[in-house]
Amino acid sequence: MIPAEFDYSAPTSLDEALALLGRQEDAKLLAGGHSLLPALKLRLASTPHLIDLGRVPGLTEIREDGGVIAIGAMATHHSIETSELLSRRCPLLTQCAAWIGDLQVRNRGTIGGSLAHADPGADYPAAVLALEGEIVARSATGTRTIAAEAFFVDMLTTTLEPGEILTEVRVQPFPAKTGSSYRKEPQPASGFAIVGVAVAVTLDGGRCSKVRIGVTGAASKAWRAKAAEEVLQGNAPEDAAIAAAAQQTTEGIEMNGDIFASAEYRAHLVRVYARRALREAADRARSA
C-alpha cells in the first residue's frame, strides 16, 4: 500500500528538528524507520509531517564522558554490537544488539527509535532496565533525564512528552567482577522477543553484591524483576539460588498471550531464560 500524503523535512540540527516538531501537531520523527514506515504504508498510522533525524549531527556517537557511557539516539544496532567501548565497558548492550532482527535491520535500526517506540517485544528495554540506564530527552524548553524504570509506561507508550526528542541513552560502565547475559526466544519471522531476559551480576567475595534483571516480550511493557534480584542479593550464585530467583521473575506480572505463545508458556519461558542468563552472567563475573 501507499502511505497517506505527508510533508517531509530533513533538518540538519537538533534545534531545527525541535522547531519543526513544535510547529506541526502530530508530526512524527523518523529514525531507523523499521516500525514507522510499515505502519504508514499499511495506513495503520498517518502524519501530516515526517521529520527525518538522519542528518542531525552528534546523535550517532558512542562515548565515555565523566565516567558515564553515552549512546546517541541514532546509533545503529550494528554500531552498538560492534562498539569496542561497549564491548569492553558495558557488554550487555553489545550482547543485546547482536540478537536484534537480521543484518539489514541492525544496519538501519537505532537504539533511540526502538526505545521511543516501546514495542513490548523490543530487546533494548530489558538491557537498559538491567543497566539502570537513563534516557535523555530534549525539547525547545530544555533537557530532562528519565530513569529507564520510569520511562516505559505501557504497550507503545513512554513518558516522552509532545515536543520532546530522545537524544541519548546513558549507562554506567561495569564495575570489577561484573558479568552480563541476554537470552531470548525470538519470534521466527520478525525476530522480536517472545521473551527476552537481560542480566547483570556483580560479585564480591563470591557473593552477589548487585543483581539486576530486565525482562521484555512477555507483558505489555518491559520490567525489572526485583523479587528475583532480592533472592540472589548477598548470596552465592549457585544453581539452587539461581533456580529460586528465576522462579520469582514473573512475580506480580500479567503475561501476554497470542498466537505465538500463551500467557502460561511465556511465564515458563521467562523463568527458563532467566535461569540461563543468570548462570551465564555469574560465570562471566567469576572470570572478569
C-alpha atoms as a PDB file:
ATOM      1  CA  MET A   1       0.000   0.000   0.000  1.00  0.00           C
ATOM      2  CA  ILE A   2       0.962   3.662  -0.333  1.00  0.00           C
ATOM      3  CA  PRO A   3       1.040   5.987   2.709  1.00  0.00           C
ATOM      4  CA  ALA A   4      -1.295   8.940   3.010  1.00  0.00           C
ATOM      5  CA  GLU A   5       0.261  12.204   1.809  1.00  0.00           C
ATOM      6  CA  PHE A   6       2.666  13.973   4.178  1.00  0.00           C
ATOM      7  CA  ASP A   7       5.316  16.694   4.165  1.00  0.00           C
ATOM      8  CA  TYR A   8       8.935  15.641   4.647  1.00  0.00           C
ATOM      9  CA  SER A   9      11.790  17.525   6.318  1.00  0.00           C
ATOM     10  CA  ALA A  10      15.414  16.539   6.932  1.00  0.00           C
ATOM     11  CA  PRO A  11      16.724  19.061   9.479  1.00  0.00           C
ATOM     12  CA  THR A  12      20.474  19.496   9.863  1.00  0.00           C
ATOM     13  CA  SER A  13      20.474  20.489  13.546  1.00  0.00           C
ATOM     14  CA  LEU A  14      18.670  19.403  16.677  1.00  0.00           C
ATOM     15  CA  ASP A  15      17.292  22.914  17.191  1.00  0.00           C
ATOM     16  CA  GLU A  16      15.808  22.856  13.690  1.00  0.00           C
ATOM     17  CA  ALA A  17      14.249  19.446  14.354  1.00  0.00           C
ATOM     18  CA  LEU A  18      12.733  20.681  17.611  1.00  0.00           C
ATOM     19  CA  ALA A  19      11.351  23.798  15.916  1.00  0.00           C
ATOM     20  CA  LEU A  20       9.714  21.688  13.213  1.00  0.00           C
ATOM     21  CA  LEU A  21       8.299  19.308  15.818  1.00  0.00           C
ATOM     22  CA  GLY A  22       6.816  22.200  17.800  1.00  0.00           C
ATOM     23  CA  ARG A  23       5.356  23.829  14.718  1.00  0.00           C
ATOM     24  CA  GLN A  24       3.303  20.878  13.435  1.00  0.00           C
ATOM     25  CA  GLU A  25       0.875  18.993  15.671  1.00  0.00           C
ATOM     26  CA  ASP A  26       1.012  15.211  15.091  1.00  0.00           C
ATOM     27  CA  ALA A  27       4.369  15.378  13.285  1.00  0.00           C
ATOM     28  CA  LYS A  28       6.352  12.149  13.552  1.00  0.00           C
ATOM     29  CA  LEU A  29      10.081  11.584  13.894  1.00  0.00           C
ATOM     30  CA  LEU A  30      11.901   9.187  11.568  1.00  0.00           C
ATOM     31  CA  ALA A  31      14.921   7.346  12.990  1.00  0.00           C
ATOM     32  CA  GLY A  32      15.581   3.876  11.508  1.00  0.00           C
ATOM     33  CA  GLY A  33      12.015   3.629  10.239  1.00  0.00           C
ATOM     34  CA  HIS A  34      11.547  -0.140  10.681  1.00  0.00           C
ATOM     35  CA  SER A  35       8.342   0.282  12.682  1.00  0.00           C
ATOM     36  CA  LEU A  36       7.075   3.639  11.423  1.00  0.00           C
ATOM     37  CA  LEU A  37       7.380   3.155   7.659  1.00  0.00           C
ATOM     38  CA  PRO A  38       5.444  -0.154   7.523  1.00  0.00           C
ATOM     39  CA  ALA A  39       2.743   1.399   9.722  1.00  0.00           C
ATOM     40  CA  LEU A  40       2.484   4.381   7.352  1.00  0.00           C
ATOM     41  CA  LYS A  41       2.385   2.132   4.272  1.00  0.00           C
ATOM     42  CA  LEU A  42      -0.366  -0.007   5.789  1.00  0.00           C
ATOM     43  CA  ARG A  43      -2.159   3.177   6.913  1.00  0.00           C
ATOM     44  CA  LEU A  44      -2.143   1.957  10.490  1.00  0.00           C
ATOM     45  CA  ALA A  45      -0.548   5.328  11.238  1.00  0.00           C
ATOM     46  CA  SER A  46      -0.519   8.676   9.467  1.00  0.00           C
ATOM     47  CA  THR A  47       1.210  12.007   9.885  1.00  0.00           C
ATOM     48  CA  PRO A  48       0.997  15.423   8.246  1.00  0.00           C
ATOM     49  CA  HIS A  49       4.766  15.873   8.586  1.00  0.00           C
ATOM     50  CA  LEU A  50       7.651  13.406   8.750  1.00  0.00           C
ATOM     51  CA  ILE A  51      10.850  14.751  10.334  1.00  0.00           C
ATOM     52  CA  ASP A  52      13.919  12.708   9.417  1.00  0.00           C
ATOM     53  CA  LEU A  53      16.642  12.800  12.091  1.00  0.00           C
ATOM     54  CA  GLY A  54      19.242  11.133   9.874  1.00  0.00           C
ATOM     55  CA  ARG A  55      21.120  14.381   9.104  1.00  0.00           C
ATOM     56  CA  VAL A  56      21.197  15.764  12.647  1.00  0.00           C
ATOM     57  CA  PRO A  57      24.853  15.719  13.765  1.00  0.00           C
ATOM     58  CA  GLY A  58      26.019  14.281  17.082  1.00  0.00           C
ATOM     59  CA  LEU A  59      23.279  11.692  17.532  1.00  0.00           C
ATOM     60  CA  THR A  60      25.279   8.642  16.438  1.00  0.00           C
ATOM     61  CA  GLU A  61      28.200   8.924  18.879  1.00  0.00           C
ATOM     62  CA  ILE A  62      29.067   6.298  21.491  1.00  0.00           C
ATOM     63  CA  ARG A  63      31.420   7.828  24.024  1.00  0.00           C
ATOM     64  CA  GLU A  64      32.529   7.762  27.653  1.00  0.00           C
ATOM     65  CA  ASP A  65      32.084  11.122  29.338  1.00  0.00           C
ATOM     66  CA  GLY A  66      32.753  11.784  33.015  1.00  0.00           C
ATOM     67  CA  GLY A  67      32.563   8.135  33.974  1.00  0.00           C
ATOM     68  CA  VAL A  68      29.273   7.582  32.108  1.00  0.00           C
ATOM     69  CA  ILE A  69      28.803   5.913  28.730  1.00  0.00           C
ATOM     70  CA  ALA A  70      26.570   7.956  26.440  1.00  0.00           C
ATOM     71  CA  ILE A  71      24.963   6.371  23.372  1.00  0.00           C
ATOM     72  CA  GLY A  72      23.432   8.719  20.827  1.00  0.00           C
ATOM     73  CA  ALA A  73      19.830   8.006  19.951  1.00  0.00           C
ATOM     74  CA  MET A  74      20.685   7.458  16.266  1.00  0.00           C
ATOM     75  CA  ALA A  75      23.409   4.895  17.000  1.00  0.00           C
ATOM     76  CA  THR A  76      22.503   1.810  14.987  1.00  0.00           C
ATOM     77  CA  HIS A  77      22.174  -1.673  16.401  1.00  0.00           C
ATOM     78  CA  HIS A  78      25.226  -2.661  14.345  1.00  0.00           C
ATOM     79  CA  SER A  79      27.345   0.165  15.745  1.00  0.00           C
ATOM     80  CA  ILE A  80      26.355  -0.870  19.271  1.00  0.00           C
ATOM     81  CA  GLU A  81      27.010  -4.541  18.554  1.00  0.00           C
ATOM     82  CA  THR A  82      30.492  -3.756  17.223  1.00  0.00           C
ATOM     83  CA  SER A  83      31.450  -0.923  19.600  1.00  0.00           C
ATOM     84  CA  GLU A  84      34.856  -1.575  21.181  1.00  0.00           C
ATOM     85  CA  LEU A  85      33.993   0.773  24.061  1.00  0.00           C
ATOM     86  CA  LEU A  86      30.747  -1.018  24.885  1.00  0.00           C
ATOM     87  CA  SER A  87      32.302  -4.451  24.446  1.00  0.00           C
ATOM     88  CA  ARG A  88      34.965  -3.516  26.974  1.00  0.00           C
ATOM     89  CA  ARG A  89      32.995  -1.346  29.398  1.00  0.00           C
ATOM     90  CA  CYS A  90      29.322  -2.373  29.127  1.00  0.00           C
ATOM     91  CA  PRO A  91      28.996  -5.600  27.104  1.00  0.00           C
ATOM     92  CA  LEU A  92      25.331  -6.247  27.915  1.00  0.00           C
ATOM     93  CA  LEU A  93      24.338  -3.760  25.207  1.00  0.00           C
ATOM     94  CA  THR A  94      26.527  -5.445  22.592  1.00  0.00           C
ATOM     95  CA  GLN A  95      25.117  -8.842  23.597  1.00  0.00           C
ATOM     96  CA  CYS A  96      21.584  -7.499  23.264  1.00  0.00           C
ATOM     97  CA  ALA A  97      22.155  -5.733  19.928  1.00  0.00           C
ATOM     98  CA  ALA A  98      23.512  -8.938  18.376  1.00  0.00           C
ATOM     99  CA  TRP A  99      20.077 -10.552  18.880  1.00  0.00           C
ATOM    100  CA  ILE A 100      18.091  -7.842  17.075  1.00  0.00           C
ATOM    101  CA  GLY A 101      16.442  -8.743  13.756  1.00  0.00           C
ATOM    102  CA  ASP A 102      18.861  -9.507  10.924  1.00  0.00           C
ATOM    103  CA  LEU A 103      21.839  -7.744   9.393  1.00  0.00           C
ATOM    104  CA  GLN A 104      19.716  -5.328   7.377  1.00  0.00           C
ATOM    105  CA  VAL A 105      17.681  -4.364  10.438  1.00  0.00           C
ATOM    106  CA  ARG A 106      20.801  -3.920  12.565  1.00  0.00           C
ATOM    107  CA  ASN A 107      22.363  -1.662   9.922  1.00  0.00           C
ATOM    108  CA  ARG A 108      19.398   0.744   9.892  1.00  0.00           C
ATOM    109  CA  GLY A 109      17.577   0.419  13.200  1.00  0.00           C
ATOM    110  CA  THR A 110      18.526   2.745  16.078  1.00  0.00           C
ATOM    111  CA  ILE A 111      18.510   2.458  19.853  1.00  0.00           C
ATOM    112  CA  GLY A 112      16.577   5.706  20.268  1.00  0.00           C
ATOM    113  CA  GLY A 113      13.903   4.714  17.792  1.00  0.00           C
ATOM    114  CA  SER A 114      13.494   1.341  19.465  1.00  0.00           C
ATOM    115  CA  LEU A 115      13.190   2.766  22.977  1.00  0.00           C
ATOM    116  CA  ALA A 116      10.847   5.593  21.953  1.00  0.00           C
ATOM    117  CA  HIS A 117       8.571   3.189  20.053  1.00  0.00           C
ATOM    118  CA  ALA A 118       8.390   0.907  23.134  1.00  0.00           C
ATOM    119  CA  ASP A 119       7.262  -2.204  21.322  1.00  0.00           C
ATOM    120  CA  PRO A 120       6.635  -4.840  24.019  1.00  0.00           C
ATOM    121  CA  GLY A 121       8.775  -7.304  22.036  1.00  0.00           C
ATOM    122  CA  ALA A 122      11.777  -4.975  21.632  1.00  0.00           C
ATOM    123  CA  ASP A 123      15.124  -6.136  23.030  1.00  0.00           C
ATOM    124  CA  TYR A 124      16.776  -2.969  24.339  1.00  0.00           C
ATOM    125  CA  PRO A 125      14.267  -2.203  27.120  1.00  0.00           C
ATOM    126  CA  ALA A 126      15.342  -5.311  29.049  1.00  0.00           C
ATOM    127  CA  ALA A 127      19.017  -4.366  28.805  1.00  0.00           C
ATOM    128  CA  VAL A 128      18.514  -0.692  29.645  1.00  0.00           C
ATOM    129  CA  LEU A 129      16.462  -1.681  32.707  1.00  0.00           C
ATOM    130  CA  ALA A 130      19.090  -4.183  33.864  1.00  0.00           C
ATOM    131  CA  LEU A 131      21.729  -1.464  33.476  1.00  0.00           C
ATOM    132  CA  GLU A 132      19.607   1.089  35.384  1.00  0.00           C
ATOM    133  CA  GLY A 133      20.098   3.369  32.409  1.00  0.00           C
ATOM    134  CA  GLU A 134      18.848   6.884  31.840  1.00  0.00           C
ATOM    135  CA  ILE A 135      17.088   8.333  28.805  1.00  0.00           C
ATOM    136  CA  VAL A 136      17.838  11.940  27.875  1.00  0.00           C
ATOM    137  CA  ALA A 137      15.041  13.917  26.212  1.00  0.00           C
ATOM    138  CA  ARG A 138      15.408  17.363  24.683  1.00  0.00           C
ATOM    139  CA  SER A 139      12.651  19.889  23.989  1.00  0.00           C
ATOM    140  CA  ALA A 140      12.560  23.531  22.949  1.00  0.00           C
ATOM    141  CA  THR A 141      12.484  24.490  26.636  1.00  0.00           C
ATOM    142  CA  GLY A 142      15.344  22.320  27.894  1.00  0.00           C
ATOM    143  CA  THR A 143      16.660  18.840  28.643  1.00  0.00           C
ATOM    144  CA  ARG A 144      15.451  16.249  31.124  1.00  0.00           C
ATOM    145  CA  THR A 145      16.759  12.861  32.193  1.00  0.00           C
ATOM    146  CA  ILE A 146      14.363   9.951  32.744  1.00  0.00           C
ATOM    147  CA  ALA A 147      15.252   6.794  34.658  1.00  0.00           C
ATOM    148  CA  ALA A 148      14.682   3.717  32.495  1.00  0.00           C
ATOM    149  CA  GLU A 149      12.338   2.258  35.089  1.00  0.00           C
ATOM    150  CA  ALA A 150      10.081   5.325  34.794  1.00  0.00           C
ATOM    151  CA  PHE A 151      10.310   5.544  31.001  1.00  0.00           C
ATOM    152  CA  PHE A 152       8.195   2.559  29.911  1.00  0.00           C
ATOM    153  CA  VAL A 153       4.505   3.078  30.696  1.00  0.00           C
ATOM    154  CA  ASP A 154       2.599   0.520  28.617  1.00  0.00           C
ATOM    155  CA  MET A 155       2.465  -1.009  25.155  1.00  0.00           C
ATOM    156  CA  LEU A 156       3.901   1.559  22.692  1.00  0.00           C
ATOM    157  CA  THR A 157       3.730   4.199  25.442  1.00  0.00           C
ATOM    158  CA  THR A 158       6.536   6.036  27.216  1.00  0.00           C
ATOM    159  CA  THR A 159       6.888   9.136  29.366  1.00  0.00           C
ATOM    160  CA  LEU A 160       8.213  11.163  26.434  1.00  0.00           C
ATOM    161  CA  GLU A 161       6.119  14.311  26.113  1.00  0.00           C
ATOM    162  CA  PRO A 162       4.894  16.088  22.965  1.00  0.00           C
ATOM    163  CA  GLY A 163       7.692  18.203  21.542  1.00  0.00           C
ATOM    164  CA  GLU A 164      10.471  16.058  23.033  1.00  0.00           C
ATOM    165  CA  ILE A 165      13.164  14.170  21.133  1.00  0.00           C
ATOM    166  CA  LEU A 166      15.043  11.284  22.704  1.00  0.00           C
ATOM    167  CA  THR A 167      18.686  12.273  22.164  1.00  0.00           C
ATOM    168  CA  GLU A 168      20.820   9.957  24.283  1.00  0.00           C
ATOM    169  CA  VAL A 169      20.943   6.859  26.470  1.00  0.00           C
ATOM    170  CA  ARG A 170      23.313   6.841  29.443  1.00  0.00           C
ATOM    171  CA  VAL A 171      24.607   3.790  31.308  1.00  0.00           C
ATOM    172  CA  GLN A 172      27.292   3.166  33.903  1.00  0.00           C
ATOM    173  CA  PRO A 173      30.405   1.174  32.943  1.00  0.00           C
ATOM    174  CA  PHE A 174      30.624  -2.247  34.558  1.00  0.00           C
ATOM    175  CA  PRO A 175      32.469  -2.365  37.870  1.00  0.00           C
ATOM    176  CA  ALA A 176      35.046  -5.094  38.524  1.00  0.00           C
ATOM    177  CA  LYS A 177      33.802  -8.705  38.748  1.00  0.00           C
ATOM    178  CA  THR A 178      30.657  -7.996  36.728  1.00  0.00           C
ATOM    179  CA  GLY A 179      29.184 -10.304  34.124  1.00  0.00           C
ATOM    180  CA  SER A 180      26.134  -9.997  31.909  1.00  0.00           C
ATOM    181  CA  SER A 181      23.959 -12.006  29.571  1.00  0.00           C
ATOM    182  CA  TYR A 182      20.987 -11.536  27.251  1.00  0.00           C
ATOM    183  CA  ARG A 183      18.929 -14.626  26.420  1.00  0.00           C
ATOM    184  CA  LYS A 184      15.939 -14.600  24.110  1.00  0.00           C
ATOM    185  CA  GLU A 185      13.245 -16.661  22.395  1.00  0.00           C
ATOM    186  CA  PRO A 186      12.769 -14.834  19.065  1.00  0.00           C
ATOM    187  CA  GLN A 187       9.587 -14.716  17.058  1.00  0.00           C
ATOM    188  CA  PRO A 188      10.568 -16.718  13.948  1.00  0.00           C
ATOM    189  CA  ALA A 189       9.543 -14.192  11.279  1.00  0.00           C
ATOM    190  CA  SER A 190      10.202 -10.793  12.852  1.00  0.00           C
ATOM    191  CA  GLY A 191      12.931 -11.619  15.341  1.00  0.00           C
ATOM    192  CA  PHE A 192      11.102  -9.696  18.084  1.00  0.00           C
ATOM    193  CA  ALA A 193      11.333 -11.220  21.535  1.00  0.00           C
ATOM    194  CA  ILE A 194       8.595 -13.618  22.519  1.00  0.00           C
ATOM    195  CA  VAL A 195      10.615 -13.480  25.725  1.00  0.00           C
ATOM    196  CA  GLY A 196      13.952 -11.778  26.396  1.00  0.00           C
ATOM    197  CA  VAL A 197      15.886 -11.613  29.676  1.00  0.00           C
ATOM    198  CA  ALA A 198      18.852  -9.310  30.363  1.00  0.00           C
ATOM    199  CA  VAL A 199      21.009  -9.857  33.449  1.00  0.00           C
ATOM    200  CA  ALA A 200      23.944  -8.048  35.068  1.00  0.00           C
ATOM    201  CA  VAL A 201      25.630  -9.636  38.113  1.00  0.00           C
ATOM    202  CA  THR A 202      28.423  -8.148  40.242  1.00  0.00           C
ATOM    203  CA  LEU A 203      30.295 -10.412  42.663  1.00  0.00           C
ATOM    204  CA  ASP A 204      32.169  -9.560  45.841  1.00  0.00           C
ATOM    205  CA  GLY A 205      33.911 -12.415  47.631  1.00  0.00           C
ATOM    206  CA  GLY A 206      31.961 -14.935  45.576  1.00  0.00           C
ATOM    207  CA  ARG A 207      28.572 -13.494  46.566  1.00  0.00           C
ATOM    208  CA  CYS A 208      26.214 -11.272  44.598  1.00  0.00           C
ATOM    209  CA  SER A 209      26.730  -7.663  45.632  1.00  0.00           C
ATOM    210  CA  LYS A 210      24.412  -6.480  42.864  1.00  0.00           C
ATOM    211  CA  VAL A 211      21.932  -8.273  40.607  1.00  0.00           C
ATOM    212  CA  ARG A 212      19.740  -6.589  38.017  1.00  0.00           C
ATOM    213  CA  ILE A 213      17.259  -8.418  35.778  1.00  0.00           C
ATOM    214  CA  GLY A 214      15.258  -6.859  32.936  1.00  0.00           C
ATOM    215  CA  VAL A 215      12.543  -8.779  31.090  1.00  0.00           C
ATOM    216  CA  THR A 216      10.902  -7.986  27.764  1.00  0.00           C
ATOM    217  CA  GLY A 217       8.482  -9.602  25.318  1.00  0.00           C
ATOM    218  CA  ALA A 218       6.232 -11.265  27.870  1.00  0.00           C
ATOM    219  CA  ALA A 219       3.959  -8.433  29.027  1.00  0.00           C
ATOM    220  CA  SER A 220       2.626  -5.102  27.787  1.00  0.00           C
ATOM    221  CA  LYS A 221       5.944  -3.466  28.740  1.00  0.00           C
ATOM    222  CA  ALA A 222       9.401  -4.462  29.929  1.00  0.00           C
ATOM    223  CA  TRP A 223      10.009  -4.719  33.686  1.00  0.00           C
ATOM    224  CA  ARG A 224      12.652  -5.131  36.370  1.00  0.00           C
ATOM    225  CA  ALA A 225      12.315  -8.497  38.136  1.00  0.00           C
ATOM    226  CA  LYS A 226      13.039  -7.099  41.602  1.00  0.00           C
ATOM    227  CA  ALA A 227      11.710 -10.077  43.565  1.00  0.00           C
ATOM    228  CA  ALA A 228      14.157 -12.318  41.699  1.00  0.00           C
ATOM    229  CA  GLU A 229      17.012  -9.874  42.290  1.00  0.00           C
ATOM    230  CA  GLU A 230      16.365  -9.937  46.032  1.00  0.00           C
ATOM    231  CA  VAL A 231      16.632 -13.724  46.156  1.00  0.00           C
ATOM    232  CA  LEU A 232      20.237 -13.592  44.950  1.00  0.00           C
ATOM    233  CA  GLN A 233      21.325 -10.406  46.698  1.00  0.00           C
ATOM    234  CA  GLY A 234      24.116 -11.265  49.163  1.00  0.00           C
ATOM    235  CA  ASN A 235      24.119 -14.951  48.194  1.00  0.00           C
ATOM    236  CA  ALA A 236      26.477 -17.045  46.106  1.00  0.00           C
ATOM    237  CA  PRO A 237      25.062 -17.590  42.593  1.00  0.00           C
ATOM    238  CA  GLU A 238      24.878 -21.360  42.877  1.00  0.00           C
ATOM    239  CA  ASP A 239      22.380 -23.445  40.918  1.00  0.00           C
ATOM    240  CA  ALA A 240      19.806 -23.713  43.704  1.00  0.00           C
ATOM    241  CA  ALA A 241      19.825 -19.965  44.390  1.00  0.00           C
ATOM    242  CA  ILE A 242      19.635 -19.155  40.673  1.00  0.00           C
ATOM    243  CA  ALA A 243      16.698 -21.534  40.213  1.00  0.00           C
ATOM    244  CA  ALA A 244      14.897 -19.966  43.177  1.00  0.00           C
ATOM    245  CA  ALA A 245      15.497 -16.479  41.793  1.00  0.00           C
ATOM    246  CA  ALA A 246      14.302 -17.442  38.314  1.00  0.00           C
ATOM    247  CA  GLN A 247      11.009 -18.646  39.772  1.00  0.00           C
ATOM    248  CA  GLN A 248      10.352 -15.096  41.012  1.00  0.00           C
ATOM    249  CA  THR A 249      10.894 -13.286  37.708  1.00  0.00           C
ATOM    250  CA  THR A 250       7.196 -13.290  36.819  1.00  0.00           C
ATOM    251  CA  GLU A 251       6.001 -12.310  40.304  1.00  0.00           C
ATOM    252  CA  GLY A 252       3.081  -9.852  40.030  1.00  0.00           C
ATOM    253  CA  ILE A 253       3.248  -9.576  36.213  1.00  0.00           C
ATOM    254  CA  GLU A 254       0.303 -10.185  33.884  1.00  0.00           C
ATOM    255  CA  MET A 255       1.611 -12.094  30.873  1.00  0.00           C
ATOM    256  CA  ASN A 256       0.586 -11.528  27.269  1.00  0.00           C
ATOM    257  CA  GLY A 257      -0.895 -14.380  25.285  1.00  0.00           C
ATOM    258  CA  ASP A 258      -1.106 -14.506  21.488  1.00  0.00           C
ATOM    259  CA  ILE A 259      -0.790 -16.877  18.515  1.00  0.00           C
ATOM    260  CA  PHE A 260       2.927 -17.339  19.193  1.00  0.00           C
ATOM    261  CA  ALA A 261       2.787 -18.186  22.901  1.00  0.00           C
ATOM    262  CA  SER A 262       0.143 -18.422  25.592  1.00  0.00           C
ATOM    263  CA  ALA A 263       0.480 -16.415  28.792  1.00  0.00           C
ATOM    264  CA  GLU A 264       1.366 -19.598  30.672  1.00  0.00           C
ATOM    265  CA  TYR A 265       4.058 -20.564  28.176  1.00  0.00           C
ATOM    266  CA  ARG A 266       5.546 -17.068  28.222  1.00  0.00           C
ATOM    267  CA  ALA A 267       5.782 -17.224  32.012  1.00  0.00           C
ATOM    268  CA  HIS A 268       7.555 -20.571  31.694  1.00  0.00           C
ATOM    269  CA  LEU A 269       9.971 -19.148  29.114  1.00  0.00           C
ATOM    270  CA  VAL A 270      10.783 -16.144  31.301  1.00  0.00           C
ATOM    271  CA  ARG A 271      11.808 -18.455  34.139  1.00  0.00           C
ATOM    272  CA  VAL A 272      13.844 -20.703  31.824  1.00  0.00           C
ATOM    273  CA  TYR A 273      15.731 -17.858  30.164  1.00  0.00           C
ATOM    274  CA  ALA A 274      16.238 -16.055  33.471  1.00  0.00           C
ATOM    275  CA  ARG A 275      17.909 -19.167  34.849  1.00  0.00           C
ATOM    276  CA  ARG A 276      20.165 -19.474  31.802  1.00  0.00           C
ATOM    277  CA  ALA A 277      21.055 -15.774  31.718  1.00  0.00           C
ATOM    278  CA  LEU A 278      21.803 -15.685  35.455  1.00  0.00           C
ATOM    279  CA  ARG A 279      24.123 -18.692  35.161  1.00  0.00           C
ATOM    280  CA  GLU A 280      25.963 -17.200  32.219  1.00  0.00           C
ATOM    281  CA  ALA A 281      26.264 -13.747  33.820  1.00  0.00           C
ATOM    282  CA  ALA A 282      27.562 -15.275  37.066  1.00  0.00           C
ATOM    283  CA  ASP A 283      30.143 -17.363  35.187  1.00  0.00           C
ATOM    284  CA  ARG A 284      31.342 -14.283  33.345  1.00  0.00           C
ATOM    285  CA  ALA A 285      31.534 -12.304  36.591  1.00  0.00           C
ATOM    286  CA  ARG A 286      33.722 -15.014  38.152  1.00  0.00           C
ATOM    287  CA  SER A 287      36.185 -14.789  35.277  1.00  0.00           C
ATOM    288  CA  ALA A 288      36.057 -10.988  34.907  1.00  0.00           C
END
